[in-house]
Amino acid sequence: SLSAEYPVGTTTITWTVRDVNGNTNTTTQTIVVNDTELPVVKTQNIVIQLAANGQASITTTQINNGSTDNCAIATIALDKVNFNCSNVGENTVVLTVTDIHGNSASANAIVTVQDNIAPTVITRPVTVTLVNGTATITAAQVNNGSFDNCGIASMTVSPANFNCNNIGSNTVILTVTDVNGNTNSRTAIVSVVGQLPSCSITSV
């Protein structure tokens, strides 16, 4: 045959030629086939959520979007697969595809990391004593170990100021906001202790 397909690599073929009188002669020929064509890398952007431990991870399958090669793909790899609270927002990752003959190509994708987990709010009861008819509490007094997967930015308590009208048990709300804007609230009991002023009438 004067035409044939040969695999990548070195192939030795033997040619035999016969003339019209039946004389023959042979010779060999070396055929070298190289694969220099790069893979075609296709990626897709994804959005992921941080878990309760503040961590998240991805796989190449999530980023790969049908990459191909003229022969076959050997490996697909990402330069970054693990994310944490410091990665909230858009992150550029690189997907690299390598074929069975060592040719490789890369393309970028965007991984958007989100933290949608609200803080866990834990409260405790507080007792305050009126001084000159007033008392004030802070969020720290009501807080009892509230926590968040990425970190707490602020805590507020409402109401925070009390007077003689509040003697007894009062329900307050502790609101905790994390570093990514998620908030959560829980109630607590504030016991206000004090004496109502008494008045006396004397005749003159």
Protein backbone atom coordinates (compact mmCIF):
# COMPACT_ATOMS: atom_id res chain seq x y z
CA SER A 1 0.00 0.00 0.00
CA LEU A 2 1.27 3.49 -0.80
CA SER A 3 -0.67 5.13 2.03
CA ALA A 4 -1.07 4.15 5.64
CA GLU A 5 -1.60 5.60 9.09
CA TYR A 6 1.13 5.28 11.69
CA PRO A 7 1.05 5.72 15.46
CA VAL A 8 3.01 8.34 17.34
CA GLY A 9 6.58 7.18 17.69
CA THR A 10 9.00 5.34 15.39
CA THR A 11 7.80 2.74 12.89
CA THR A 12 10.05 0.79 10.55
CA ILE A 13 8.49 -0.46 7.33
CA THR A 14 9.93 -2.70 4.60
CA TRP A 15 9.44 -1.89 0.92
CA THR A 16 9.61 -4.70 -1.65
CA VAL A 17 9.84 -3.78 -5.33
CA ARG A 18 9.34 -6.27 -8.17
CA ASP A 19 10.01 -5.47 -11.81
CA VAL A 20 8.23 -6.87 -14.85
CA ASN A 21 10.77 -9.72 -15.12
CA GLY A 22 10.24 -10.94 -11.57
CA ASN A 23 13.32 -9.41 -10.04
CA THR A 24 12.81 -8.09 -6.48
CA ASN A 25 14.64 -5.88 -4.07
CA THR A 26 13.81 -4.69 -0.56
CA THR A 27 14.66 -1.73 1.57
CA THR A 28 13.54 -0.36 4.93
CA GLN A 29 12.19 3.03 5.82
CA THR A 30 11.84 4.62 9.26
CA ILE A 31 8.73 6.69 9.90
CA VAL A 32 8.76 9.05 12.90
CA VAL A 33 5.42 10.53 13.95
CA ASN A 34 5.39 13.30 16.57
CA ASP A 35 2.38 14.72 18.45
CA THR A 36 3.04 18.40 19.06
CA GLU A 37 -0.57 19.54 19.20
CA LEU A 38 -1.54 21.09 22.53
CA PRO A 39 -4.72 20.09 24.35
CA VAL A 40 -7.70 22.42 24.04
CA VAL A 41 -8.49 23.59 27.56
CA LYS A 42 -12.04 24.67 28.38
CA THR A 43 -12.98 25.95 31.85
CA GLN A 44 -16.04 27.19 33.68
CA ASN A 45 -16.45 29.60 36.60
CA ILE A 46 -18.03 28.27 39.80
CA VAL A 47 -19.38 29.53 43.13
CA ILE A 48 -18.61 27.62 46.34
CA GLN A 49 -19.69 28.00 49.98
CA LEU A 50 -17.45 27.83 53.01
CA ALA A 51 -18.39 25.11 55.48
CA ALA A 52 -18.88 25.50 59.23
CA ASN A 53 -15.13 25.02 59.71
CA GLY A 54 -14.38 27.93 57.37
CA GLN A 55 -12.98 25.62 54.68
CA ALA A 56 -13.99 24.58 51.17
CA SER A 57 -12.36 22.60 48.38
CA ILE A 58 -12.91 22.01 44.66
CA THR A 59 -12.04 19.33 42.12
CA THR A 60 -10.82 19.51 38.54
CA THR A 61 -14.19 18.12 37.42
CA GLN A 62 -15.92 21.26 38.67
CA ILE A 63 -13.64 23.54 36.65
CA ASN A 64 -13.06 21.42 33.54
CA ASN A 65 -15.68 22.13 30.88
CA GLY A 66 -14.95 19.55 28.21
CA SER A 67 -11.23 19.94 27.52
CA THR A 68 -10.03 17.77 24.60
CA ASP A 69 -6.89 16.52 22.90
CA ASN A 70 -6.18 15.07 19.45
CA CYS A 71 -4.77 11.90 21.03
CA ALA A 72 -5.74 11.50 24.68
CA ILE A 73 -5.55 13.39 27.95
CA ALA A 74 -3.22 12.03 30.62
CA THR A 75 -3.75 14.46 33.51
CA ILE A 76 -5.86 17.45 34.51
CA ALA A 77 -4.64 19.54 37.43
CA LEU A 78 -5.51 22.74 39.33
CA ASP A 79 -3.02 25.09 40.92
CA LYS A 80 -5.37 25.71 43.89
CA VAL A 81 -8.05 23.43 45.31
CA ASN A 82 -8.39 24.51 48.96
CA PHE A 83 -10.00 27.74 50.15
CA ASN A 84 -10.68 29.41 53.51
CA CYS A 85 -12.07 32.61 54.99
CA SER A 86 -9.20 34.68 53.56
CA ASN A 87 -10.37 33.72 50.06
CA VAL A 88 -13.93 35.10 50.29
CA GLY A 89 -14.62 36.77 46.95
CA GLU A 90 -13.26 36.00 43.47
CA ASN A 91 -10.19 33.80 43.08
CA THR A 92 -8.38 32.99 39.83
CA VAL A 93 -7.38 29.35 39.43
CA VAL A 94 -5.38 27.73 36.63
CA LEU A 95 -6.47 24.45 35.03
CA THR A 96 -3.63 22.61 33.28
CA VAL A 97 -4.30 19.73 30.87
CA THR A 98 -1.47 17.40 29.79
CA ASP A 99 -1.84 14.84 27.00
CA ILE A 100 -0.28 11.38 26.82
CA HIS A 101 2.70 12.73 24.84
CA GLY A 102 3.60 15.45 27.33
CA ASN A 103 1.99 18.42 25.62
CA SER A 104 0.25 20.72 28.10
CA ALA A 105 -1.91 23.83 28.00
CA SER A 106 -3.62 25.93 30.65
CA ALA A 107 -6.61 28.24 31.06
CA ASN A 108 -7.99 30.37 33.90
CA ALA A 109 -11.29 30.17 35.74
CA ILE A 110 -12.89 32.20 38.53
CA VAL A 111 -13.83 30.53 41.80
CA THR A 112 -16.13 32.76 43.86
CA VAL A 113 -15.96 31.85 47.54
CA GLN A 114 -18.93 32.80 49.70
CA ASP A 115 -19.53 32.69 53.44
CA ASN A 116 -23.26 32.45 54.08
CA ILE A 117 -23.10 30.91 57.54
CA ALA A 118 -24.50 33.16 60.26
CA PRO A 119 -22.76 33.38 63.64
CA THR A 120 -23.83 31.06 66.45
CA VAL A 121 -25.12 33.31 69.24
CA ILE A 122 -24.87 32.10 72.85
CA THR A 123 -26.18 34.29 75.67
CA ARG A 124 -26.29 34.25 79.45
CA PRO A 125 -28.49 35.98 82.04
CA VAL A 126 -27.16 39.15 83.66
CA THR A 127 -28.03 40.89 86.87
CA VAL A 128 -27.42 44.65 87.24
CA THR A 129 -28.03 47.00 90.09
CA LEU A 130 -29.40 50.46 89.61
CA VAL A 131 -27.10 53.24 90.70
CA ASN A 132 -28.78 56.61 91.06
CA GLY A 133 -31.76 55.07 89.30
CA THR A 134 -29.93 53.84 86.16
CA ALA A 135 -27.85 50.90 84.93
CA THR A 136 -26.14 49.99 81.65
CA ILE A 137 -25.01 46.66 80.22
CA THR A 138 -22.62 45.78 77.38
CA ALA A 139 -22.83 43.09 74.73
CA ALA A 140 -19.82 41.39 76.33
CA GLN A 141 -21.75 40.91 79.57
CA VAL A 142 -24.58 39.10 77.79
CA ASN A 143 -22.33 37.14 75.40
CA ASN A 144 -21.49 33.60 76.49
CA GLY A 145 -19.08 32.34 73.83
CA SER A 146 -20.75 33.25 70.54
CA PHE A 147 -18.66 32.16 67.56
CA ASP A 148 -18.48 32.18 63.77
CA ASN A 149 -16.71 30.11 61.11
CA CYS A 150 -14.78 33.13 59.82
CA GLY A 151 -14.78 35.51 62.76
CA ILE A 152 -16.99 37.98 64.60
CA ALA A 153 -16.85 41.62 63.58
CA SER A 154 -19.23 43.15 66.13
CA MET A 155 -21.79 42.48 68.87
CA THR A 156 -24.57 44.75 70.08
CA VAL A 157 -27.20 44.42 72.78
CA SER A 158 -30.57 46.14 72.86
CA PRO A 159 -31.83 47.61 75.07
CA ALA A 160 -28.68 48.42 76.98
CA ASN A 161 -29.95 51.09 79.39
CA PHE A 162 -32.30 50.55 82.32
CA ASN A 163 -34.01 52.63 84.99
CA CYS A 164 -36.50 52.25 87.80
CA ASN A 165 -39.23 51.27 85.37
CA ASN A 166 -37.22 48.14 84.47
CA ILE A 167 -36.83 46.65 87.94
CA GLY A 168 -37.29 42.90 87.56
CA SER A 169 -36.70 40.70 84.50
CA ASN A 170 -36.10 42.27 81.10
CA THR A 171 -35.62 40.58 77.73
CA VAL A 172 -32.74 41.94 75.64
CA ILE A 173 -31.46 40.92 72.21
CA LEU A 174 -27.80 40.18 71.49
CA THR A 175 -26.99 40.63 67.78
CA VAL A 176 -23.73 39.24 66.40
CA THR A 177 -22.34 40.20 62.96
CA ASP A 178 -19.50 38.26 61.35
CA VAL A 179 -16.68 39.62 59.16
CA ASN A 180 -18.65 38.84 56.01
CA GLY A 181 -21.85 40.62 57.02
CA ASN A 182 -23.90 37.65 58.23
CA THR A 183 -25.90 38.37 61.39
CA ASN A 184 -27.77 36.36 63.98
CA SER A 185 -29.55 37.24 67.23
CA ARG A 186 -30.67 35.64 70.47
CA THR A 187 -32.47 36.86 73.56
CA ALA A 188 -31.16 37.04 77.11
CA ILE A 189 -32.66 37.96 80.46
CA VAL A 190 -31.38 40.99 82.34
CA SER A 191 -32.49 41.19 85.96
CA VAL A 192 -32.53 44.76 87.22
CA VAL A 193 -32.14 45.17 90.94
CA GLY A 194 -32.96 48.39 92.78
CA GLN A 195 -35.34 50.12 95.09
CA LEU A 196 -37.98 52.55 94.06
CA PRO A 197 -37.49 55.87 95.80
CA SER A 198 -39.93 56.48 98.60
CA CYS A 199 -41.28 59.79 99.58
CA SER A 200 -42.62 61.01 102.91
CA ILE A 201 -44.86 63.91 103.78
CA THR A 202 -44.23 65.85 106.89
CA SER A 203 -46.37 68.60 108.24
CA VAL A 204 -44.89 71.84 109.30
